[in-house]
Protein backbone atom coordinates (compact mmCIF):
# COMPACT_ATOMS: atom_id res chain seq x y z
CA MET A 1 19.65 -47.44 -24.91
CA HIS A 2 19.91 -44.67 -27.50
CA GLY A 3 23.21 -43.64 -28.96
CA ASP A 4 22.67 -40.06 -27.80
CA GLU A 5 21.68 -40.84 -24.03
CA ARG A 6 24.15 -41.31 -21.24
CA THR A 7 23.12 -42.41 -17.56
CA THR A 8 24.03 -40.69 -14.28
CA SER A 9 22.82 -42.74 -11.02
CA GLY A 10 20.63 -44.63 -13.53
CA THR A 11 18.61 -41.67 -14.96
CA PRO A 12 19.05 -41.24 -18.82
CA VAL A 13 20.48 -37.95 -19.68
CA SER A 14 20.68 -36.35 -23.15
CA THR A 15 24.21 -35.87 -24.44
CA GLU A 16 23.22 -33.06 -26.43
CA THR A 17 21.32 -30.88 -24.02
CA GLY A 18 22.89 -32.51 -20.60
CA ARG A 19 19.30 -32.71 -19.38
CA PRO A 20 17.45 -35.90 -17.82
CA VAL A 21 14.94 -37.34 -20.17
CA SER A 22 11.85 -39.46 -19.51
CA THR A 23 11.76 -43.31 -20.17
CA GLU A 24 8.18 -43.97 -19.15
CA ALA A 25 5.98 -45.76 -21.50
CA GLY A 26 4.24 -43.70 -23.92
CA THR A 27 6.22 -40.96 -23.32
CA PRO A 28 8.53 -39.38 -26.03
CA VAL A 29 12.06 -38.90 -25.01
CA SER A 30 13.15 -35.33 -25.89
CA THR A 31 16.65 -34.57 -26.85
CA THR A 32 16.49 -31.02 -28.22
CA ALA A 33 16.90 -27.73 -26.41
CA GLY A 34 13.34 -26.74 -24.60
CA PRO A 35 11.55 -23.52 -25.10
CA PRO A 36 12.74 -19.98 -23.44
CA ALA A 37 12.65 -19.99 -19.90
CA GLN A 38 9.59 -20.32 -18.09
CA THR A 39 8.11 -19.21 -14.72
CA GLU A 40 6.69 -21.96 -12.42
CA ALA A 41 2.98 -20.80 -14.00
CA GLY A 42 4.44 -21.77 -17.50
CA ARG A 43 4.63 -18.23 -18.53
CA PRO A 44 7.67 -16.72 -20.05
CA ALA A 45 10.20 -15.17 -17.44
CA TRP A 46 10.21 -11.93 -19.29
CA ARG A 47 6.51 -11.24 -18.11
CA LYS A 48 7.25 -11.85 -14.62
CA VAL A 49 10.12 -9.52 -14.78
CA ALA A 50 8.04 -6.97 -16.69
CA ARG A 51 5.32 -7.19 -13.59
CA ARG A 52 7.94 -6.30 -11.36
CA VAL A 53 9.44 -3.60 -13.37
CA LEU A 54 6.94 -1.64 -15.12
CA PRO A 55 4.59 -0.50 -12.42
CA PRO A 56 7.50 1.08 -10.43
CA LEU A 57 8.43 3.04 -13.72
CA PHE A 58 4.94 3.82 -14.50
CA SER A 59 4.70 5.55 -10.94
CA VAL A 60 7.97 7.23 -11.28
CA ALA A 61 6.42 8.41 -14.83
CA ILE A 62 3.43 9.80 -13.34
CA VAL A 63 5.35 11.74 -10.43
CA VAL A 64 7.69 12.87 -12.99
CA ALA A 65 5.21 14.40 -15.27
CA VAL A 66 3.18 16.15 -12.79
CA PHE A 67 5.90 17.79 -10.69
CA TRP A 68 8.69 18.61 -13.42
CA TYR A 69 6.34 19.26 -16.10
CA PHE A 70 2.72 19.96 -15.48
CA LEU A 71 3.14 22.26 -12.28
CA PRO A 72 5.97 24.75 -13.44
CA GLN A 73 3.54 24.95 -16.80
CA PHE A 74 0.29 25.24 -14.86
CA THR A 75 1.87 28.25 -12.37
CA SER A 76 4.72 30.04 -11.25
CA ILE A 77 6.87 27.92 -8.77
CA SER A 78 8.33 31.07 -7.37
CA ALA A 79 4.66 32.59 -6.67
CA VAL A 80 3.85 29.11 -5.13
CA TRP A 81 6.65 29.38 -2.93
CA VAL A 82 6.07 33.19 -1.82
CA SER A 83 2.37 32.04 -1.10
CA ILE A 84 3.86 29.29 1.25
CA ARG A 85 6.19 31.74 2.97
CA SER A 86 3.59 34.21 3.60
CA MET A 87 1.85 31.70 6.43
CA THR A 88 2.29 32.78 10.04
CA TRP A 89 3.69 30.46 12.76
CA LEU A 90 0.08 30.25 14.22
CA GLN A 91 -1.46 29.34 10.77
CA ILE A 92 1.61 26.50 10.55
CA LEU A 93 0.86 25.41 13.90
CA THR A 94 -2.97 25.12 13.30
CA LEU A 95 -2.50 23.02 10.31
CA ALA A 96 0.01 21.04 12.06
CA LEU A 97 -2.39 20.13 14.95
CA LEU A 98 -5.22 19.28 12.45
CA ALA A 99 -2.84 17.02 10.73
CA LEU A 100 -2.16 15.16 13.77
CA TRP A 101 -5.78 15.08 14.86
CA ASN A 102 -6.41 13.33 11.29
CA GLN A 103 -3.60 10.72 11.83
CA THR A 104 -5.57 9.97 15.25
CA THR A 105 -9.10 9.34 13.60
CA TYR A 106 -7.11 6.44 11.83
CA PHE A 107 -6.43 4.95 15.05
CA ILE A 108 -10.04 5.23 16.21
CA VAL A 109 -11.42 3.35 13.10
CA ASN A 110 -8.85 0.21 13.93
CA VAL A 111 -10.03 0.27 17.65
CA SER A 112 -13.71 0.29 16.53
CA THR A 113 -13.27 -2.68 14.28
CA MET A 114 -10.74 -4.85 16.35
CA PRO A 115 -12.18 -5.43 20.07
CA GLY A 116 -9.23 -5.45 22.40
CA LEU A 117 -6.99 -3.36 20.47
CA THR A 118 -5.60 -0.23 22.26
CA TYR A 119 -5.17 3.16 20.89
CA ARG A 120 -1.44 2.86 21.05
CA GLN A 121 -1.07 -0.24 19.31
CA SER A 122 -3.42 1.11 16.68
CA ALA A 123 -1.10 4.25 16.26
CA VAL A 124 1.91 1.85 15.89
CA ALA A 125 0.50 -0.46 13.54
CA THR A 126 -1.33 2.35 11.32
CA GLU A 127 1.51 4.80 11.33
CA SER A 128 3.95 1.92 9.98
CA SER A 129 1.60 0.58 7.40
CA THR A 130 0.73 4.32 5.96
CA ALA A 131 4.45 4.62 5.75
CA VAL A 132 4.86 1.95 3.71
CA SER A 133 2.05 2.54 1.41
CA ASN A 134 3.32 6.23 0.93
CA THR A 135 6.78 5.20 -0.13
CA VAL A 136 6.81 1.64 -1.89
CA PRO A 137 5.17 0.71 -4.95
CA GLY A 138 2.46 -1.85 -4.23
CA GLY A 139 3.09 -0.53 -0.67
CA GLY A 140 -0.87 -1.33 0.14
CA ALA A 141 -0.17 -5.20 0.06
CA ILE A 142 2.93 -4.82 2.07
CA GLY A 143 1.04 -2.69 4.49
CA ILE A 144 -1.60 -5.12 5.07
CA ALA A 145 1.12 -8.00 5.55
CA MET A 146 2.95 -5.62 8.25
CA ASN A 147 -0.39 -5.18 9.85
CA PHE A 148 -0.92 -8.89 10.24
CA ALA A 149 2.66 -9.34 11.61
CA MET A 150 2.15 -6.57 14.14
CA PHE A 151 -1.39 -7.73 15.26
CA GLY A 152 -0.40 -11.30 15.39
CA SER A 153 2.84 -10.34 17.49
CA TRP A 154 0.10 -8.80 19.88
CA GLY A 155 -1.75 -12.06 20.32
CA PHE A 156 -4.60 -11.49 17.77
CA SER A 157 -5.82 -14.33 15.91
CA ALA A 158 -5.88 -14.08 11.86
CA SER A 159 -9.80 -14.38 12.30
CA ARG A 160 -9.95 -11.05 14.03
CA ILE A 161 -7.36 -9.17 12.04
CA THR A 162 -9.09 -10.40 8.73
CA VAL A 163 -12.36 -9.07 9.99
CA SER A 164 -10.94 -5.77 10.99
CA LEU A 165 -9.33 -5.16 7.91
CA LEU A 166 -12.19 -6.28 5.79
CA VAL A 167 -14.76 -4.11 7.68
CA SER A 168 -12.57 -0.96 7.91
CA GLY A 169 -11.56 -1.37 4.05
CA VAL A 170 -15.37 -1.87 3.22
CA TRP A 171 -16.50 0.99 5.35
CA ASN A 172 -13.76 3.25 3.74
CA ASN A 173 -14.96 2.60 0.40
CA PHE A 174 -18.54 3.31 1.48
CA ALA A 175 -17.05 6.93 2.61
CA LYS A 176 -15.52 7.48 -0.67
CA LEU A 177 -18.57 6.68 -2.51
CA ALA A 178 -20.62 8.85 -0.33
CA LEU A 179 -18.65 11.85 0.03
CA PRO A 180 -19.20 12.80 -3.78
CA VAL A 181 -22.92 12.33 -3.83
CA VAL A 182 -23.07 14.38 -0.49
CA ALA A 183 -20.83 17.13 -2.05
CA LEU A 184 -23.07 17.38 -5.43
CA VAL A 185 -26.27 17.84 -3.53
CA LEU A 186 -24.55 20.88 -1.34
CA VAL A 187 -23.08 22.21 -4.56
CA VAL A 188 -26.65 22.04 -5.93
CA LEU A 189 -28.08 23.61 -3.06
CA GLN A 190 -25.77 26.58 -3.61
CA GLY A 191 -26.58 26.85 -7.08
CA ASN A 192 -23.31 25.99 -8.64
CA PRO A 193 -23.50 22.69 -10.50
CA SER A 194 -21.90 21.71 -13.40
CA GLY A 195 -22.65 19.29 -16.00
CA GLY A 196 -19.48 17.13 -15.12
CA ARG A 197 -20.08 17.25 -11.55
CA LEU A 198 -23.76 16.18 -11.96
CA VAL A 199 -23.07 13.07 -14.22
CA ALA A 200 -20.08 12.26 -11.66
CA GLY A 201 -22.40 12.72 -8.80
CA VAL A 202 -25.13 10.50 -10.37
CA LEU A 203 -22.56 7.93 -10.89
CA GLY A 204 -21.43 7.95 -7.62
CA LEU A 205 -25.22 7.60 -6.10
CA VAL A 206 -25.64 4.65 -8.44
CA ALA A 207 -22.41 2.96 -7.31
CA LEU A 208 -23.09 3.78 -3.54
CA VAL A 209 -26.89 2.29 -3.93
CA ALA A 210 -25.43 -0.60 -5.64
CA ALA A 211 -22.89 -1.35 -2.55
CA VAL A 212 -25.18 -0.86 -0.09
CA VAL A 213 -27.61 -3.14 -1.70
CA LEU A 214 -24.96 -5.98 -2.27
CA LEU A 215 -23.76 -5.46 1.49
CA GLY A 216 -27.28 -5.92 2.64
CA MET A 217 -28.01 -8.94 0.73
CA LEU A 218 -24.65 -10.33 1.94
CA LEU A 219 -25.65 -9.87 5.44
CA SER A 220 -29.12 -10.96 5.23
CA SER A 221 -28.70 -14.86 5.00
CA GLU A 222 -26.21 -17.50 4.04
CA GLN A 223 -28.01 -18.47 1.07
CA ALA A 224 -27.97 -15.08 0.05
CA ALA A 225 -24.37 -14.55 0.57
CA ALA A 226 -23.52 -17.73 -1.31
CA ARG A 227 -25.77 -16.65 -4.20
CA LEU A 228 -24.03 -13.28 -4.20
CA GLY A 229 -20.81 -14.94 -4.34
CA ARG A 230 -21.66 -17.05 -7.14
CA GLY A 231 -22.90 -14.30 -9.07
CA MET A 232 -20.02 -12.20 -8.65
CA ALA A 233 -17.80 -15.14 -9.59
CA ARG A 234 -19.67 -15.73 -12.81
CA ALA A 235 -19.32 -11.99 -13.72
CA VAL A 236 -15.61 -11.96 -12.89
CA SER A 237 -15.10 -15.18 -14.90
CA LEU A 238 -16.60 -13.69 -18.03
CA LEU A 239 -14.20 -10.94 -17.61
CA LEU A 240 -11.30 -13.06 -17.19
CA ARG A 241 -12.23 -15.43 -20.39
CA VAL A 242 -11.46 -12.06 -22.51
CA PHE A 243 -7.99 -12.31 -21.19
CA ARG A 244 -7.74 -16.01 -21.51
CA ARG A 245 -7.39 -16.52 -17.66
CA PRO A 246 -9.08 -19.41 -15.88
CA PRO A 247 -12.37 -18.85 -14.09
CA VAL A 248 -12.49 -17.88 -10.34
CA ARG A 249 -13.79 -20.44 -7.85
CA GLY A 250 -14.84 -20.61 -4.24
CA TRP A 251 -16.22 -17.16 -4.05
CA ASP A 252 -19.61 -18.73 -2.52
CA ARG A 253 -17.67 -19.95 0.37
CA ALA A 254 -15.63 -16.74 0.65
CA THR A 255 -18.69 -14.53 0.91
CA VAL A 256 -20.56 -16.90 3.34
CA LYS A 257 -17.23 -16.69 5.49
CA PHE A 258 -17.23 -12.96 5.25
CA ARG A 259 -20.91 -12.88 6.54
CA PHE A 260 -20.37 -15.16 9.43
CA ARG A 261 -17.23 -13.50 10.71
CA THR A 262 -18.60 -9.99 10.50
CA ILE A 263 -22.08 -10.01 11.13
CA THR A 264 -21.86 -10.20 15.00
CA LEU A 265 -19.34 -7.27 15.01
CA LEU A 266 -21.45 -5.16 12.42
CA LYS A 267 -24.58 -5.67 14.66
CA ALA A 268 -22.91 -4.58 17.43
CA ARG A 269 -20.76 -1.77 16.43
CA TRP A 270 -22.00 -0.58 13.08
CA PRO A 271 -22.70 2.95 14.41
CA TRP A 272 -19.22 3.51 15.95
CA ILE A 273 -17.33 2.14 12.70
CA THR A 274 -19.71 4.31 10.51
CA ALA A 275 -19.19 7.32 12.74
CA ALA A 276 -15.25 7.04 13.11
CA THR A 277 -14.72 6.39 9.31
CA LEU A 278 -17.06 9.65 8.35
CA ILE A 279 -15.07 11.66 10.99
CA SER A 280 -11.54 10.46 9.64
CA HIS A 281 -12.58 11.61 6.19
CA LEU A 282 -14.15 14.77 6.92
CA SER A 283 -11.11 15.48 9.16
CA LEU A 284 -8.71 15.03 6.24
CA TYR A 285 -11.01 17.42 4.15
CA LEU A 286 -10.96 19.95 6.80
CA VAL A 287 -7.00 20.19 6.57
CA LEU A 288 -7.46 20.81 2.88
CA LEU A 289 -10.13 23.47 3.55
CA VAL A 290 -8.03 25.39 6.29
CA ALA A 291 -4.85 25.38 4.19
CA LEU A 292 -6.68 26.85 1.20
CA ARG A 293 -8.24 29.63 3.53
CA PHE A 294 -4.91 30.23 5.24
CA LEU A 295 -3.05 30.75 1.80
CA GLY A 296 -5.55 33.16 0.29
CA VAL A 297 -8.40 30.95 -1.48
CA SER A 298 -11.45 32.75 -0.17
CA ASP A 299 -15.07 31.24 0.20
CA ALA A 300 -16.11 33.72 -2.68
CA GLU A 301 -13.63 32.15 -4.81
CA VAL A 302 -14.25 28.51 -3.84
CA SER A 303 -16.91 27.64 -1.70
CA TRP A 304 -16.49 24.82 1.11
CA ALA A 305 -19.04 22.69 -0.83
CA GLU A 306 -17.04 23.02 -4.02
CA VAL A 307 -13.99 22.16 -1.84
CA LEU A 308 -15.69 19.22 -0.61
CA ALA A 309 -16.56 18.04 -4.23
CA VAL A 310 -13.04 18.33 -5.55
CA PHE A 311 -11.86 16.59 -2.39
CA ALA A 312 -14.25 13.72 -2.66
CA PHE A 313 -13.61 13.10 -6.49
CA ALA A 314 -9.94 13.33 -5.82
CA ARG A 315 -10.26 10.67 -3.14
CA LEU A 316 -12.05 8.39 -5.55
CA LEU A 317 -8.99 8.28 -7.68
CA THR A 318 -7.05 6.54 -4.58
CA ALA A 319 -8.98 3.45 -5.47
CA ILE A 320 -6.80 2.71 -8.01
CA PRO A 321 -2.91 2.64 -6.82
CA PHE A 322 -1.35 4.30 -9.74
CA THR A 323 1.41 5.67 -7.60
CA PRO A 324 2.37 4.99 -3.79
CA GLY A 325 -0.34 7.23 -1.75
CA GLY A 326 -1.48 8.52 -5.11
CA LEU A 327 1.46 10.67 -5.18
CA GLY A 328 1.16 12.91 -8.29
CA VAL A 329 -2.36 12.10 -9.04
CA ILE A 330 -3.78 13.24 -5.98
CA GLU A 331 -2.12 16.75 -6.42
CA LEU A 332 -2.96 17.28 -10.19
CA ALA A 333 -6.80 16.29 -9.35
CA LEU A 334 -6.91 18.86 -6.60
CA ILE A 335 -4.93 21.52 -8.24
CA THR A 336 -6.78 21.47 -11.53
CA GLY A 337 -10.11 20.91 -9.95
CA LEU A 338 -9.71 23.99 -7.54
CA SER A 339 -8.36 25.99 -9.93
CA ALA A 340 -11.23 25.24 -12.49
CA ALA A 341 -13.75 26.15 -9.77
CA GLY A 342 -12.22 29.58 -9.36
CA GLY A 343 -9.24 29.49 -6.96
CA PRO A 344 -6.05 31.30 -8.07
CA ARG A 345 -3.53 29.08 -9.40
CA ALA A 346 -0.54 30.03 -7.21
CA ASP A 347 -2.49 29.89 -4.18
CA VAL A 348 -4.21 26.54 -4.99
CA ALA A 349 -0.86 24.83 -5.89
CA ALA A 350 0.45 26.29 -2.60
CA ALA A 351 -2.42 25.09 -0.54
CA VAL A 352 -2.32 21.63 -2.22
CA LEU A 353 1.26 21.03 -1.44
CA VAL A 354 0.99 22.12 2.20
CA PHE A 355 -1.95 19.83 2.35
CA ARG A 356 -0.10 16.85 0.95
CA ALA A 357 3.15 17.78 2.81
CA LEU A 358 1.16 17.25 6.22
CA THR A 359 -1.05 14.03 5.30
CA TYR A 360 1.41 12.43 2.84
CA VAL A 361 4.86 13.27 3.90
CA LEU A 362 4.22 13.68 7.81
CA PRO A 363 3.08 10.00 8.20
CA ILE A 364 6.38 8.58 6.52
CA PRO A 365 8.79 9.77 9.54
CA LEU A 366 6.16 9.15 11.87
CA GLY A 367 5.77 5.60 10.56
CA ALA A 368 9.49 5.03 10.63
CA VAL A 369 9.46 5.58 14.70
CA ALA A 370 6.20 3.53 15.04
CA TYR A 371 8.31 0.69 13.33
CA VAL A 372 11.05 0.97 15.61
CA VAL A 373 8.63 1.07 18.51
CA TRP A 374 7.18 -2.11 17.42
CA ARG A 375 10.40 -3.93 17.08
CA ARG A 376 11.79 -2.67 20.37
CA ASN A 377 8.66 -2.69 22.60
CA ARG A 378 8.50 -6.37 23.76
CA SER A 379 5.56 -5.43 26.64
CA TRP A 380 3.10 -5.67 24.00
CA ARG A 381 4.06 -9.25 22.82
CA ARG A 382 1.45 -12.03 23.34
CA PRO A 383 1.63 -15.68 22.54
CA PRO A 384 -0.91 -16.73 19.72
CA GLY A 385 -4.51 -16.09 21.00
CA GLY A 386 -3.17 -14.01 24.20
CA ALA A 387 -5.14 -10.84 23.06
CA PRO A 388 -8.10 -10.09 25.11
CA ARG A 389 -11.18 -12.29 24.23
CA THR A 390 -14.23 -11.29 22.49
CA ASP A 391 -17.37 -12.70 21.11
CA LEU A 392 -17.94 -10.18 18.48
CA VAL A 393 -15.54 -12.14 16.10
CA ARG A 394 -15.57 -16.14 16.09
CA GLU A 395 -13.65 -18.42 14.32
CA TRP A 396 -14.92 -20.25 11.13
CA VAL A 397 -15.10 -24.00 11.28
CA GLU A 398 -15.13 -25.76 7.96
CA PRO A 399 -18.52 -27.53 7.35
CA ASP A 400 -19.24 -30.96 5.87
CA THR A 401 -20.98 -29.42 2.93
CA ALA A 402 -19.40 -26.68 0.66
CA VAL A 403 -21.76 -24.08 1.61
CA PRO A 404 -23.85 -23.55 4.86
CA VAL A 405 -27.48 -23.95 3.94
CA ALA A 406 -29.03 -23.09 7.32
CA ASP A 407 -29.35 -19.39 8.30
CA ALA A 408 -28.91 -18.11 11.93
CA ALA A 409 -29.29 -14.82 13.43
CA VAL A 410 -26.60 -15.53 15.84
CA PRO A 411 -23.51 -17.26 14.39
CA GLY A 412 -23.15 -20.83 15.17
CA GLN A 413 -26.79 -21.24 16.11
CA GLY A 414 -28.50 -23.64 13.48
CA SER A 415 -25.94 -23.11 10.95
CA ALA A 416 -23.80 -25.64 9.14
CA ALA A 417 -20.85 -22.72 9.65
CA ARG A 418 -20.27 -23.54 13.40
CA ALA A 419 -18.47 -21.07 15.49
CA THR A 420 -16.14 -22.37 18.34
CA ASP A 421 -16.63 -20.78 21.59
CA ALA A 422 -14.67 -17.19 21.77
CA GLY A 423 -13.44 -17.62 25.02
CA ALA A 424 -12.09 -21.13 24.10
CA ALA A 425 -10.51 -20.69 20.76
CA GLU A 426 -10.44 -17.03 19.98
CA GLY A 427 -7.90 -14.60 21.51
C-alpha cells in the first residue's frame, strides 16, 4: 500500500484529500484535490445556479424597464389614470363580462381536444395552470405539469393528456401565425399598409404555409412522419453542434407516435378544434378593441383592422417566454404599436393596462380559487384509467422495429404501431 493511503472497510483512501481512490488495474490512483464542483452532467456547478437565477432576474429587469422607465417617459401617468377613471360602470361591467367570456373560450378548447372532459373540470385546470404561467418564471412548464396532475387525478391516461396538450398547442400556434396574415390583408384592403407590416405579414404567411405543409406531411403517412422527424433532427443537431452539444435522437419515433395518437382525433374533431381556437383568439382581441373604444381611441384614429394587426403581432411575441405571461413585453408591444397607428398615447396606455388587468391579472385569483377546488373536491377523482372511455385517442404499443413501416388509415390496422382496444386499455 502507498504511504499516503489508508483504508476504511477495505477501501483505499487518500490521506491528503480524504477521498476514496481507485485500485483497479490500469487505473491511476488520484491523491490530489479534484476539479471545481461539478453537476451530474459534468458541468461546473455555477452554470446550474446561473440557469436558475438569471431567467428570473431577466424577467424582473424587463418588467422594471417597461413599467418604471418606459411608460412614464412615453406618456403622463396622471393622464392615464384620468382616462381610466372616466369609464362608466356600464363600460366596466361590459368589459368584465367580455373578459369572463374570453376565459370560457379556453375551456371549450380543452374539451374539444380531450373527449370525456367536462367544462367544469376544464375550467379548474385552465384557470389553475394560467395562474401559474402568469406568476412564475418558466411557469408554462409548471402549468403543464399541473395539468397532468389534475387530468390524471380525474382518471385520464397520460396518452390522452399528451394528445390534448399537443393538439391544443399546435392549433394555438397556427392561430398565432394566421392572425397577422389575416390582419395584414384587412389593413391592405383598407388602404393603410406600411413597409414594416407588409414584411412582417409576408414572413407570417411563409411561416404559416410551412407549418401547414409540415403538419400535412406528418399526418399523411407513417413513412412521411418518420422522414420528417429525421429531417428535423438533422437540422436541430446541426444547430446544436455550433454550441458543442450532442445531436438529438429518436425524433423519427416521436413524430410517428404523434401521428398515431392524434390522427383519429383530428379526423373526427378538427373543425371543432379549429373553430374553438379561433373564437378564443378573437375573443381576446375583442376585449382589447372594446377597451380602446371605451377609453376614447376612435376608429378614425386606429381602425379595428389596425388594432387586429398590432394585437396579432404582439401575440407572436408570447411564443418566446421572456416573462411570465408576457408581462411587460405585451404592454410594450401594444402601447407602441397602437400609438404608432395614430392613437393618443395616454388613452392607448390606459386601454392596454385595463385590457391586461382583465386578461392577465384577473386569471390569477381565479386560478387560486380553482386550485383550491381541485384540492378539496374529491367527487371528481377517479382511479387511473377511470375517465369516460373513447376510441378517438388510443395507446401506443412499442413495435418490434424502431419505426413502423406500414401505413394505415385507421390506427392499429396494418401498422407496426399497434393500438390497444380503447375500451380495454384506455380510460
